[in-house]
């Protein structure tokens, strides 16, 4: 079972006249990652997840044949940022975040291909 807390630091730098913001994201003890996000009212996704490969094997119930597949799962942080209408001299930003984590891996029956 993999579980960890993800401390997060999010720094947004920009001004009301600017058409974009520089966003620095620090997750855990990793180095900061810097993104440029435009102020266009659209949602922009910052995907800083790690990819992990796995091999899976299963028996197809219709054909009774063993099927093997390689797959990928991602763990980490995804942020969605969207600029909101300007309020005076300030540019509000909506930030939505999602953390994905793998809670468990269970070994099943061993098949020839897996």
PDB file of N, CA and C in Angstrom:
ATOM      1  N   UNK A   1       0.847  -1.168   0.000  1.00  0.00           N
ATOM      2  CA  UNK A   1       0.000   0.000   0.000  1.00  0.00           C
ATOM      3  C   UNK A   1       0.899   1.239   0.000  1.00  0.00           C
ATOM      4  N   UNK A   2       0.678   2.113  -0.950  1.00  0.00           N
ATOM      5  CA  UNK A   2       1.450   3.347  -1.046  1.00  0.00           C
ATOM      6  C   UNK A   2       0.543   4.503  -0.656  1.00  0.00           C
ATOM      7  N   UNK A   3       0.905   5.193   0.399  1.00  0.00           N
ATOM      8  CA  UNK A   3       0.159   6.389   0.786  1.00  0.00           C
ATOM      9  C   UNK A   3       1.167   7.404   1.274  1.00  0.00           C
ATOM     10  N   UNK A   4       1.029   8.620   0.812  1.00  0.00           N
ATOM     11  CA  UNK A   4       1.907   9.670   1.288  1.00  0.00           C
ATOM     12  C   UNK A   4       1.171  10.988   1.179  1.00  0.00           C
ATOM     13  N   UNK A   5       1.522  11.868   2.062  1.00  0.00           N
ATOM     14  CA  UNK A   5       0.953  13.201   1.995  1.00  0.00           C
ATOM     15  C   UNK A   5       1.784  14.020   1.036  1.00  0.00           C
ATOM     16  N   UNK A   6       1.148  14.877   0.288  1.00  0.00           N
ATOM     17  CA  UNK A   6       1.842  15.698  -0.684  1.00  0.00           C
ATOM     18  C   UNK A   6       1.814  17.151  -0.237  1.00  0.00           C
ATOM     19  N   UNK A   7       2.840  17.591   0.498  1.00  0.00           N
ATOM     20  CA  UNK A   7       2.893  19.018   0.817  1.00  0.00           C
ATOM     21  C   UNK A   7       3.000  19.799  -0.494  1.00  0.00           C
ATOM     22  N   UNK A   8       2.298  20.897  -0.577  1.00  0.00           N
ATOM     23  CA  UNK A   8       2.211  21.643  -1.826  1.00  0.00           C
ATOM     24  C   UNK A   8       2.441  23.111  -1.565  1.00  0.00           C
ATOM     25  N   UNK A   9       3.274  23.714  -2.391  1.00  0.00           N
ATOM     26  CA  UNK A   9       3.470  25.155  -2.367  1.00  0.00           C
ATOM     27  C   UNK A   9       3.179  25.650  -3.770  1.00  0.00           C
ATOM     28  N   UNK A  10       2.263  26.596  -3.874  1.00  0.00           N
ATOM     29  CA  UNK A  10       1.866  27.141  -5.165  1.00  0.00           C
ATOM     30  C   UNK A  10       2.086  28.638  -5.123  1.00  0.00           C
ATOM     31  N   UNK A  11       2.925  29.141  -6.019  1.00  0.00           N
ATOM     32  CA  UNK A  11       3.216  30.567  -6.086  1.00  0.00           C
ATOM     33  C   UNK A  11       2.787  31.069  -7.452  1.00  0.00           C
ATOM     34  N   UNK A  12       1.956  32.102  -7.466  1.00  0.00           N
ATOM     35  CA  UNK A  12       1.503  32.696  -8.722  1.00  0.00           C
ATOM     36  C   UNK A  12       1.992  34.131  -8.766  1.00  0.00           C
ATOM     37  N   UNK A  13       2.717  34.476  -9.828  1.00  0.00           N
ATOM     38  CA  UNK A  13       3.230  35.834  -9.995  1.00  0.00           C
ATOM     39  C   UNK A  13       2.654  36.421 -11.268  1.00  0.00           C
ATOM     40  N   UNK A  14       2.141  37.623 -11.180  1.00  0.00           N
ATOM     41  CA  UNK A  14       1.582  38.306 -12.344  1.00  0.00           C
ATOM     42  C   UNK A  14       0.979  39.620 -11.902  1.00  0.00           C
ATOM     43  N   UNK A  15       0.553  40.417 -12.850  1.00  0.00           N
ATOM     44  CA  UNK A  15      -0.105  41.677 -12.511  1.00  0.00           C
ATOM     45  C   UNK A  15      -1.407  41.773 -13.288  1.00  0.00           C
ATOM     46  N   UNK A  16      -2.260  42.720 -12.911  1.00  0.00           N
ATOM     47  CA  UNK A  16      -3.564  42.862 -13.559  1.00  0.00           C
ATOM     48  C   UNK A  16      -3.424  43.198 -15.033  1.00  0.00           C
ATOM     49  N   UNK A  17      -2.340  43.881 -15.427  1.00  0.00           N
ATOM     50  CA  UNK A  17      -2.154  44.237 -16.826  1.00  0.00           C
ATOM     51  C   UNK A  17      -1.571  43.087 -17.646  1.00  0.00           C
ATOM     52  N   UNK A  18      -0.990  42.110 -16.977  1.00  0.00           N
ATOM     53  CA  UNK A  18      -0.328  41.012 -17.680  1.00  0.00           C
ATOM     54  C   UNK A  18      -1.364  40.103 -18.333  1.00  0.00           C
ATOM     55  N   UNK A  19      -0.952  39.453 -19.411  1.00  0.00           N
ATOM     56  CA  UNK A  19      -1.839  38.517 -20.092  1.00  0.00           C
ATOM     57  C   UNK A  19      -1.534  37.077 -19.702  1.00  0.00           C
ATOM     58  N   UNK A  20      -0.594  36.891 -18.778  1.00  0.00           N
ATOM     59  CA  UNK A  20      -0.231  35.553 -18.328  1.00  0.00           C
ATOM     60  C   UNK A  20       0.381  35.620 -16.933  1.00  0.00           C
ATOM     61  N   UNK A  21       0.458  34.462 -16.293  1.00  0.00           N
ATOM     62  CA  UNK A  21       1.068  34.369 -14.966  1.00  0.00           C
ATOM     63  C   UNK A  21       2.121  33.280 -14.985  1.00  0.00           C
ATOM     64  N   UNK A  22       3.145  33.456 -14.192  1.00  0.00           N
ATOM     65  CA  UNK A  22       4.149  32.421 -13.991  1.00  0.00           C
ATOM     66  C   UNK A  22       3.760  31.684 -12.717  1.00  0.00           C
ATOM     67  N   UNK A  23       3.573  30.376 -12.828  1.00  0.00           N
ATOM     68  CA  UNK A  23       3.139  29.562 -11.700  1.00  0.00           C
ATOM     69  C   UNK A  23       4.267  28.606 -11.340  1.00  0.00           C
ATOM     70  N   UNK A  24       4.701  28.636 -10.081  1.00  0.00           N
ATOM     71  CA  UNK A  24       5.714  27.709  -9.580  1.00  0.00           C
ATOM     72  C   UNK A  24       5.041  26.740  -8.628  1.00  0.00           C
ATOM     73  N   UNK A  25       5.256  25.450  -8.845  1.00  0.00           N
ATOM     74  CA  UNK A  25       4.636  24.424  -8.012  1.00  0.00           C
ATOM     75  C   UNK A  25       5.733  23.556  -7.414  1.00  0.00           C
ATOM     76  N   UNK A  26       5.669  23.379  -6.088  1.00  0.00           N
ATOM     77  CA  UNK A  26       6.593  22.494  -5.390  1.00  0.00           C
ATOM     78  C   UNK A  26       5.749  21.426  -4.708  1.00  0.00           C
ATOM     79  N   UNK A  27       6.015  20.170  -5.003  1.00  0.00           N
ATOM     80  CA  UNK A  27       5.300  19.065  -4.382  1.00  0.00           C
ATOM     81  C   UNK A  27       6.291  18.274  -3.551  1.00  0.00           C
ATOM     82  N   UNK A  28       5.995  18.129  -2.265  1.00  0.00           N
ATOM     83  CA  UNK A  28       6.882  17.387  -1.376  1.00  0.00           C
ATOM     84  C   UNK A  28       8.246  18.033  -1.309  1.00  0.00           C
ATOM     85  N   UNK A  29       9.282  17.238  -1.490  1.00  0.00           N
ATOM     86  CA  UNK A  29      10.650  17.752  -1.439  1.00  0.00           C
ATOM     87  C   UNK A  29      11.245  17.919  -2.831  1.00  0.00           C
ATOM     88  N   UNK A  30      10.423  17.836  -3.867  1.00  0.00           N
ATOM     89  CA  UNK A  30      10.905  17.983  -5.243  1.00  0.00           C
ATOM     90  C   UNK A  30      11.298  19.420  -5.538  1.00  0.00           C
ATOM     91  N   UNK A  31      12.027  19.596  -6.615  1.00  0.00           N
ATOM     92  CA  UNK A  31      12.399  20.929  -7.078  1.00  0.00           C
ATOM     93  C   UNK A  31      11.169  21.621  -7.660  1.00  0.00           C
ATOM     94  N   UNK A  32      11.132  22.950  -7.605  1.00  0.00           N
ATOM     95  CA  UNK A  32       9.985  23.674  -8.172  1.00  0.00           C
ATOM     96  C   UNK A  32       9.866  23.451  -9.680  1.00  0.00           C
ATOM     97  N   UNK A  33       8.628  23.356 -10.145  1.00  0.00           N
ATOM     98  CA  UNK A  33       8.343  23.316 -11.576  1.00  0.00           C
ATOM     99  C   UNK A  33       7.629  24.609 -11.917  1.00  0.00           C
ATOM    100  N   UNK A  34       8.035  25.246 -13.023  1.00  0.00           N
ATOM    101  CA  UNK A  34       7.485  26.545 -13.409  1.00  0.00           C
ATOM    102  C   UNK A  34       6.651  26.387 -14.679  1.00  0.00           C
ATOM    103  N   UNK A  35       5.462  26.971 -14.673  1.00  0.00           N
ATOM    104  CA  UNK A  35       4.548  26.941 -15.806  1.00  0.00           C
ATOM    105  C   UNK A  35       4.100  28.367 -16.106  1.00  0.00           C
ATOM    106  N   UNK A  36       3.780  28.641 -17.360  1.00  0.00           N
ATOM    107  CA  UNK A  36       3.194  29.923 -17.758  1.00  0.00           C
ATOM    108  C   UNK A  36       1.721  29.660 -18.077  1.00  0.00           C
ATOM    109  N   UNK A  37       0.830  30.401 -17.414  1.00  0.00           N
ATOM    110  CA  UNK A  37      -0.611  30.227 -17.598  1.00  0.00           C
ATOM    111  C   UNK A  37      -1.197  31.527 -18.135  1.00  0.00           C
ATOM    112  N   UNK A  38      -1.833  31.498 -19.317  1.00  0.00           N
ATOM    113  CA  UNK A  38      -2.428  32.723 -19.871  1.00  0.00           C
ATOM    114  C   UNK A  38      -3.711  33.110 -19.134  1.00  0.00           C
ATOM    115  N   UNK A  39      -3.980  34.408 -19.084  1.00  0.00           N
ATOM    116  CA  UNK A  39      -5.227  34.930 -18.513  1.00  0.00           C
ATOM    117  C   UNK A  39      -6.248  35.057 -19.639  1.00  0.00           C
ATOM    118  N   UNK A  40      -6.832  33.943 -20.060  1.00  0.00           N
ATOM    119  CA  UNK A  40      -7.782  33.979 -21.171  1.00  0.00           C
ATOM    120  C   UNK A  40      -9.155  33.426 -20.793  1.00  0.00           C
ATOM    121  N   UNK A  41      -9.369  33.156 -19.514  1.00  0.00           N
ATOM    122  CA  UNK A  41     -10.653  32.639 -19.061  1.00  0.00           C
ATOM    123  C   UNK A  41     -10.836  31.150 -19.282  1.00  0.00           C
ATOM    124  N   UNK A  42      -9.913  30.512 -19.993  1.00  0.00           N
ATOM    125  CA  UNK A  42      -9.981  29.075 -20.241  1.00  0.00           C
ATOM    126  C   UNK A  42      -9.289  28.328 -19.107  1.00  0.00           C
ATOM    127  N   UNK A  43      -9.688  27.088 -18.871  1.00  0.00           N
ATOM    128  CA  UNK A  43      -9.024  26.251 -17.873  1.00  0.00           C
ATOM    129  C   UNK A  43      -7.745  25.680 -18.486  1.00  0.00           C
ATOM    130  N   UNK A  44      -6.664  25.739 -17.732  1.00  0.00           N
ATOM    131  CA  UNK A  44      -5.373  25.199 -18.172  1.00  0.00           C
ATOM    132  C   UNK A  44      -4.926  24.164 -17.150  1.00  0.00           C
ATOM    133  N   UNK A  45      -4.558  22.987 -17.641  1.00  0.00           N
ATOM    134  CA  UNK A  45      -4.194  21.882 -16.772  1.00  0.00           C
ATOM    135  C   UNK A  45      -2.683  21.793 -16.626  1.00  0.00           C
ATOM    136  N   UNK A  46      -2.234  21.668 -15.387  1.00  0.00           N
ATOM    137  CA  UNK A  46      -0.825  21.433 -15.088  1.00  0.00           C
ATOM    138  C   UNK A  46      -0.733  20.012 -14.537  1.00  0.00           C
ATOM    139  N   UNK A  47      -0.195  19.109 -15.320  1.00  0.00           N
ATOM    140  CA  UNK A  47      -0.120  17.696 -14.945  1.00  0.00           C
ATOM    141  C   UNK A  47       1.307  17.388 -14.520  1.00  0.00           C
ATOM    142  N   UNK A  48       1.515  17.191 -13.233  1.00  0.00           N
ATOM    143  CA  UNK A  48       2.862  16.882 -12.739  1.00  0.00           C
ATOM    144  C   UNK A  48       2.858  15.517 -12.045  1.00  0.00           C
ATOM    145  N   UNK A  49       2.140  14.582 -12.672  1.00  0.00           N
ATOM    146  CA  UNK A  49       2.096  13.221 -12.142  1.00  0.00           C
ATOM    147  C   UNK A  49       3.281  12.415 -12.660  1.00  0.00           C
ATOM    148  N   UNK A  50       3.633  11.367 -11.924  1.00  0.00           N
ATOM    149  CA  UNK A  50       4.653  10.410 -12.332  1.00  0.00           C
ATOM    150  C   UNK A  50       3.962   9.230 -13.003  1.00  0.00           C
ATOM    151  N   UNK A  51       4.559   8.719 -14.083  1.00  0.00           N
ATOM    152  CA  UNK A  51       4.009   7.566 -14.795  1.00  0.00           C
ATOM    153  C   UNK A  51       4.673   6.290 -14.305  1.00  0.00           C
ATOM    154  N   UNK A  52       3.882   5.232 -14.179  1.00  0.00           N
ATOM    155  CA  UNK A  52       4.380   3.932 -13.741  1.00  0.00           C
ATOM    156  C   UNK A  52       3.822   2.876 -14.691  1.00  0.00           C
ATOM    157  N   UNK A  53       4.680   1.980 -15.170  1.00  0.00           N
ATOM    158  CA  UNK A  53       4.257   0.911 -16.083  1.00  0.00           C
ATOM    159  C   UNK A  53       3.921  -0.344 -15.270  1.00  0.00           C
ATOM    160  N   UNK A  54       3.022  -1.159 -15.804  1.00  0.00           N
ATOM    161  CA  UNK A  54       2.709  -2.440 -15.188  1.00  0.00           C
ATOM    162  C   UNK A  54       2.322  -3.435 -16.275  1.00  0.00           C
ATOM    163  N   UNK A  55       2.377  -4.707 -15.937  1.00  0.00           N
ATOM    164  CA  UNK A  55       2.015  -5.782 -16.853  1.00  0.00           C
ATOM    165  C   UNK A  55       0.831  -6.521 -16.234  1.00  0.00           C
ATOM    166  N   UNK A  56      -0.198  -6.746 -17.013  1.00  0.00           N
ATOM    167  CA  UNK A  56      -1.390  -7.432 -16.508  1.00  0.00           C
ATOM    168  C   UNK A  56      -1.737  -8.603 -17.416  1.00  0.00           C
ATOM    169  N   UNK A  57      -2.234  -9.660 -16.815  1.00  0.00           N
ATOM    170  CA  UNK A  57      -2.677 -10.832 -17.563  1.00  0.00           C
ATOM    171  C   UNK A  57      -4.035 -11.255 -17.018  1.00  0.00           C
ATOM    172  N   UNK A  58      -4.924 -11.645 -17.925  1.00  0.00           N
ATOM    173  CA  UNK A  58      -6.244 -12.106 -17.499  1.00  0.00           C
ATOM    174  C   UNK A  58      -6.765 -13.117 -18.511  1.00  0.00           C
ATOM    175  N   UNK A  59      -7.781 -13.852 -18.134  1.00  0.00           N
ATOM    176  CA  UNK A  59      -8.408 -14.831 -19.017  1.00  0.00           C
ATOM    177  C   UNK A  59      -9.679 -14.203 -19.574  1.00  0.00           C
ATOM    178  N   UNK A  60      -9.771 -14.187 -20.909  1.00  0.00           N
ATOM    179  CA  UNK A  60     -10.964 -13.664 -21.579  1.00  0.00           C
ATOM    180  C   UNK A  60     -12.104 -14.655 -21.346  1.00  0.00           C
ATOM    181  N   UNK A  61     -13.205 -14.220 -20.711  1.00  0.00           N
ATOM    182  CA  UNK A  61     -14.287 -15.165 -20.412  1.00  0.00           C
ATOM    183  C   UNK A  61     -14.950 -15.755 -21.660  1.00  0.00           C
ATOM    184  N   UNK A  62     -14.970 -15.031 -22.772  1.00  0.00           N
ATOM    185  CA  UNK A  62     -15.630 -15.517 -23.992  1.00  0.00           C
ATOM    186  C   UNK A  62     -14.790 -16.578 -24.701  1.00  0.00           C
ATOM    187  N   UNK A  63     -13.488 -16.331 -24.838  1.00  0.00           N
ATOM    188  CA  UNK A  63     -12.631 -17.245 -25.601  1.00  0.00           C
ATOM    189  C   UNK A  63     -11.821 -18.183 -24.716  1.00  0.00           C
ATOM    190  N   UNK A  64     -11.781 -17.905 -23.418  1.00  0.00           N
ATOM    191  CA  UNK A  64     -10.988 -18.682 -22.443  1.00  0.00           C
ATOM    192  C   UNK A  64      -9.491 -18.594 -22.726  1.00  0.00           C
ATOM    193  N   UNK A  65      -9.073 -17.578 -23.494  1.00  0.00           N
ATOM    194  CA  UNK A  65      -7.652 -17.397 -23.797  1.00  0.00           C
ATOM    195  C   UNK A  65      -7.037 -16.417 -22.815  1.00  0.00           C
ATOM    196  N   UNK A  66      -5.735 -16.598 -22.588  1.00  0.00           N
ATOM    197  CA  UNK A  66      -5.009 -15.664 -21.739  1.00  0.00           C
ATOM    198  C   UNK A  66      -4.667 -14.417 -22.546  1.00  0.00           C
ATOM    199  N   UNK A  67      -4.918 -13.265 -21.983  1.00  0.00           N
ATOM    200  CA  UNK A  67      -4.630 -11.983 -22.622  1.00  0.00           C
ATOM    201  C   UNK A  67      -3.602 -11.261 -21.761  1.00  0.00           C
ATOM    202  N   UNK A  68      -2.575 -10.741 -22.398  1.00  0.00           N
ATOM    203  CA  UNK A  68      -1.552  -9.979 -21.672  1.00  0.00           C
ATOM    204  C   UNK A  68      -1.533  -8.550 -22.186  1.00  0.00           C
ATOM    205  N   UNK A  69      -1.411  -7.621 -21.287  1.00  0.00           N
ATOM    206  CA  UNK A  69      -1.394  -6.202 -21.639  1.00  0.00           C
ATOM    207  C   UNK A  69      -0.369  -5.473 -20.785  1.00  0.00           C
ATOM    208  N   UNK A  70       0.249  -4.486 -21.403  1.00  0.00           N
ATOM    209  CA  UNK A  70       1.065  -3.538 -20.654  1.00  0.00           C
ATOM    210  C   UNK A  70       0.219  -2.302 -20.444  1.00  0.00           C
ATOM    211  N   UNK A  71       0.341  -1.705 -19.305  1.00  0.00           N
ATOM    212  CA  UNK A  71      -0.456  -0.522 -19.006  1.00  0.00           C
ATOM    213  C   UNK A  71       0.366   0.526 -18.287  1.00  0.00           C
ATOM    214  N   UNK A  72      -0.302   1.597 -17.949  1.00  0.00           N
ATOM    215  CA  UNK A  72       0.362   2.701 -17.278  1.00  0.00           C
ATOM    216  C   UNK A  72      -0.630   3.338 -16.306  1.00  0.00           C
ATOM    217  N   UNK A  73      -0.147   3.649 -15.116  1.00  0.00           N
ATOM    218  CA  UNK A  73      -0.957   4.436 -14.199  1.00  0.00           C
ATOM    219  C   UNK A  73      -0.122   5.627 -13.758  1.00  0.00           C
ATOM    220  N   UNK A  74      -0.793   6.676 -13.341  1.00  0.00           N
ATOM    221  CA  UNK A  74      -0.101   7.902 -12.952  1.00  0.00           C
ATOM    222  C   UNK A  74      -0.482   8.276 -11.528  1.00  0.00           C
ATOM    223  N   UNK A  75       0.518   8.680 -10.761  1.00  0.00           N
ATOM    224  CA  UNK A  75       0.276   9.156  -9.403  1.00  0.00           C
ATOM    225  C   UNK A  75       0.875  10.540  -9.257  1.00  0.00           C
ATOM    226  N   UNK A  76       0.254  11.350  -8.452  1.00  0.00           N
ATOM    227  CA  UNK A  76       0.788  12.687  -8.207  1.00  0.00           C
ATOM    228  C   UNK A  76      -0.293  13.744  -8.252  1.00  0.00           C
ATOM    229  N   UNK A  77       0.061  14.904  -8.777  1.00  0.00           N
ATOM    230  CA  UNK A  77      -0.778  16.088  -8.684  1.00  0.00           C
ATOM    231  C   UNK A  77      -1.154  16.626 -10.057  1.00  0.00           C
ATOM    232  N   UNK A  78      -2.425  16.975 -10.210  1.00  0.00           N
ATOM    233  CA  UNK A  78      -2.919  17.677 -11.395  1.00  0.00           C
ATOM    234  C   UNK A  78      -3.610  18.942 -10.896  1.00  0.00           C
ATOM    235  N   UNK A  79      -3.237  20.080 -11.461  1.00  0.00           N
ATOM    236  CA  UNK A  79      -3.875  21.354 -11.119  1.00  0.00           C
ATOM    237  C   UNK A  79      -4.585  21.903 -12.338  1.00  0.00           C
ATOM    238  N   UNK A  80      -5.744  22.492 -12.132  1.00  0.00           N
ATOM    239  CA  UNK A  80      -6.437  23.228 -13.196  1.00  0.00           C
ATOM    240  C   UNK A  80      -6.534  24.669 -12.735  1.00  0.00           C
ATOM    241  N   UNK A  81      -6.039  25.583 -13.570  1.00  0.00           N
ATOM    242  CA  UNK A  81      -6.078  27.005 -13.251  1.00  0.00           C
ATOM    243  C   UNK A  81      -6.895  27.732 -14.300  1.00  0.00           C
ATOM    244  N   UNK A  82      -7.703  28.684 -13.841  1.00  0.00           N
ATOM    245  CA  UNK A  82      -8.528  29.477 -14.753  1.00  0.00           C
ATOM    246  C   UNK A  82      -8.592  30.891 -14.212  1.00  0.00           C
ATOM    247  N   UNK A  83      -8.345  31.858 -15.101  1.00  0.00           N
ATOM    248  CA  UNK A  83      -8.453  33.256 -14.683  1.00  0.00           C
ATOM    249  C   UNK A  83      -9.925  33.639 -14.626  1.00  0.00           C
ATOM    250  N   UNK A  84     -10.275  34.415 -13.614  1.00  0.00           N
ATOM    251  CA  UNK A  84     -11.635  34.919 -13.431  1.00  0.00           C
ATOM    252  C   UNK A  84     -11.663  36.378 -13.859  1.00  0.00           C
ATOM    253  N   UNK A  85     -12.836  36.980 -13.992  1.00  0.00           N
ATOM    254  CA  UNK A  85     -12.894  38.392 -14.387  1.00  0.00           C
ATOM    255  C   UNK A  85     -12.097  39.283 -13.426  1.00  0.00           C
ATOM    256  N   UNK A  86     -11.410  40.269 -13.997  1.00  0.00           N
ATOM    257  CA  UNK A  86     -10.579  41.188 -13.212  1.00  0.00           C
ATOM    258  C   UNK A  86     -11.459  41.971 -12.242  1.00  0.00           C
ATOM    259  N   UNK A  87     -10.969  42.087 -10.999  1.00  0.00           N
ATOM    260  CA  UNK A  87     -11.664  42.841  -9.956  1.00  0.00           C
ATOM    261  C   UNK A  87     -10.795  44.030  -9.570  1.00  0.00           C
ATOM    262  N   UNK A  88     -11.067  45.183 -10.147  1.00  0.00           N
ATOM    263  CA  UNK A  88     -10.248  46.371  -9.864  1.00  0.00           C
ATOM    264  C   UNK A  88      -8.867  46.200 -10.455  1.00  0.00           C
ATOM    265  N   UNK A  89      -7.857  46.161  -9.594  1.00  0.00           N
ATOM    266  CA  UNK A  89      -6.479  45.990 -10.060  1.00  0.00           C
ATOM    267  C   UNK A  89      -5.973  44.570  -9.821  1.00  0.00           C
ATOM    268  N   UNK A  90      -6.853  43.674  -9.391  1.00  0.00           N
ATOM    269  CA  UNK A  90      -6.428  42.309  -9.094  1.00  0.00           C
ATOM    270  C   UNK A  90      -6.993  41.321 -10.111  1.00  0.00           C
ATOM    271  N   UNK A  91      -6.202  40.299 -10.399  1.00  0.00           N
ATOM    272  CA  UNK A  91      -6.610  39.234 -11.312  1.00  0.00           C
ATOM    273  C   UNK A  91      -6.822  37.963 -10.494  1.00  0.00           C
ATOM    274  N   UNK A  92      -8.076  37.624 -10.155  1.00  0.00           N
ATOM    275  CA  UNK A  92      -8.302  36.388  -9.399  1.00  0.00           C
ATOM    276  C   UNK A  92      -8.067  35.156 -10.274  1.00  0.00           C
ATOM    277  N   UNK A  93      -7.566  34.101  -9.647  1.00  0.00           N
ATOM    278  CA  UNK A  93      -7.299  32.834 -10.324  1.00  0.00           C
ATOM    279  C   UNK A  93      -8.022  31.731  -9.556  1.00  0.00           C
ATOM    280  N   UNK A  94      -8.762  30.893 -10.273  1.00  0.00           N
ATOM    281  CA  UNK A  94      -9.397  29.724  -9.676  1.00  0.00           C
ATOM    282  C   UNK A  94      -8.415  28.561  -9.797  1.00  0.00           C
ATOM    283  N   UNK A  95      -8.158  27.871  -8.693  1.00  0.00           N
ATOM    284  CA  UNK A  95      -7.232  26.736  -8.688  1.00  0.00           C
ATOM    285  C   UNK A  95      -7.972  25.506  -8.172  1.00  0.00           C
ATOM    286  N   UNK A  96      -8.018  24.463  -8.995  1.00  0.00           N
ATOM    287  CA  UNK A  96      -8.591  23.180  -8.598  1.00  0.00           C
ATOM    288  C   UNK A  96      -7.479  22.149  -8.650  1.00  0.00           C
ATOM    289  N   UNK A  97      -7.381  21.313  -7.634  1.00  0.00           N
ATOM    290  CA  UNK A  97      -6.319  20.316  -7.599  1.00  0.00           C
ATOM    291  C   UNK A  97      -6.854  18.921  -7.365  1.00  0.00           C
ATOM    292  N   UNK A  98      -6.123  17.944  -7.879  1.00  0.00           N
ATOM    293  CA  UNK A  98      -6.465  16.548  -7.667  1.00  0.00           C
ATOM    294  C   UNK A  98      -5.177  15.774  -7.416  1.00  0.00           C
ATOM    295  N   UNK A  99      -5.166  14.985  -6.368  1.00  0.00           N
ATOM    296  CA  UNK A  99      -4.030  14.127  -6.068  1.00  0.00           C
ATOM    297  C   UNK A  99      -4.465  12.691  -6.310  1.00  0.00           C
ATOM    298  N   UNK A 100      -3.680  11.960  -7.090  1.00  0.00           N
ATOM    299  CA  UNK A 100      -3.983  10.546  -7.304  1.00  0.00           C
ATOM    300  C   UNK A 100      -2.871   9.714  -6.687  1.00  0.00           C
ATOM    301  N   UNK A 101      -3.269   8.650  -6.011  1.00  0.00           N
ATOM    302  CA  UNK A 101      -2.309   7.774  -5.345  1.00  0.00           C
ATOM    303  C   UNK A 101      -2.766   6.331  -5.524  1.00  0.00           C
ATOM    304  N   UNK A 102      -1.831   5.429  -5.512  1.00  0.00           N
ATOM    305  CA  UNK A 102      -2.133   4.007  -5.604  1.00  0.00           C
ATOM    306  C   UNK A 102      -2.238   3.476  -4.183  1.00  0.00           C
ATOM    307  N   UNK A 103      -3.388   2.915  -3.825  1.00  0.00           N
ATOM    308  CA  UNK A 103      -3.578   2.461  -2.448  1.00  0.00           C
ATOM    309  C   UNK A 103      -3.116   1.016  -2.243  1.00  0.00           C
ATOM    310  N   UNK A 104      -3.146   0.184  -3.293  1.00  0.00           N
ATOM    311  CA  UNK A 104      -2.729  -1.205  -3.119  1.00  0.00           C
ATOM    312  C   UNK A 104      -2.502  -1.864  -4.472  1.00  0.00           C
ATOM    313  N   UNK A 105      -1.645  -2.873  -4.469  1.00  0.00           N
ATOM    314  CA  UNK A 105      -1.444  -3.744  -5.629  1.00  0.00           C
ATOM    315  C   UNK A 105      -1.614  -5.168  -5.127  1.00  0.00           C
ATOM    316  N   UNK A 106      -2.486  -5.924  -5.776  1.00  0.00           N
ATOM    317  CA  UNK A 106      -2.728  -7.305  -5.372  1.00  0.00           C
ATOM    318  C   UNK A 106      -2.305  -8.237  -6.492  1.00  0.00           C
ATOM    319  N   UNK A 107      -1.492  -9.234  -6.153  1.00  0.00           N
ATOM    320  CA  UNK A 107      -1.129 -10.256  -7.126  1.00  0.00           C
ATOM    321  C   UNK A 107      -2.282 -11.238  -7.250  1.00  0.00           C
ATOM    322  N   UNK A 108      -2.590 -11.610  -8.480  1.00  0.00           N
ATOM    323  CA  UNK A 108      -3.642 -12.594  -8.728  1.00  0.00           C
ATOM    324  C   UNK A 108      -3.016 -13.923  -9.114  1.00  0.00           C
ATOM    325  N   UNK A 109      -3.788 -14.755  -9.765  1.00  0.00           N
ATOM    326  CA  UNK A 109      -3.291 -16.044 -10.227  1.00  0.00           C
ATOM    327  C   UNK A 109      -2.224 -15.818 -11.293  1.00  0.00           C
ATOM    328  N   UNK A 110      -1.197 -16.652 -11.287  1.00  0.00           N
ATOM    329  CA  UNK A 110      -0.120 -16.541 -12.271  1.00  0.00           C
ATOM    330  C   UNK A 110      -0.546 -17.221 -13.569  1.00  0.00           C
ATOM    331  N   UNK A 111      -0.433 -16.490 -14.666  1.00  0.00           N
ATOM    332  CA  UNK A 111      -0.743 -17.030 -15.984  1.00  0.00           C
ATOM    333  C   UNK A 111       0.553 -17.155 -16.774  1.00  0.00           C
ATOM    334  N   UNK A 112       0.527 -17.924 -17.869  1.00  0.00           N
ATOM    335  CA  UNK A 112       1.736 -18.164 -18.657  1.00  0.00           C
ATOM    336  C   UNK A 112       2.369 -16.871 -19.153  1.00  0.00           C
ATOM    337  N   UNK A 113       1.547 -15.933 -19.596  1.00  0.00           N
ATOM    338  CA  UNK A 113       2.104 -14.718 -20.180  1.00  0.00           C
ATOM    339  C   UNK A 113       2.348 -13.638 -19.134  1.00  0.00           C
ATOM    340  N   UNK A 114       1.874 -13.795 -17.925  1.00  0.00           N
ATOM    341  CA  UNK A 114       2.022 -12.747 -16.929  1.00  0.00           C
ATOM    342  C   UNK A 114       2.735 -13.221 -15.724  1.00  0.00           C
TER     343      UNK A 114
END
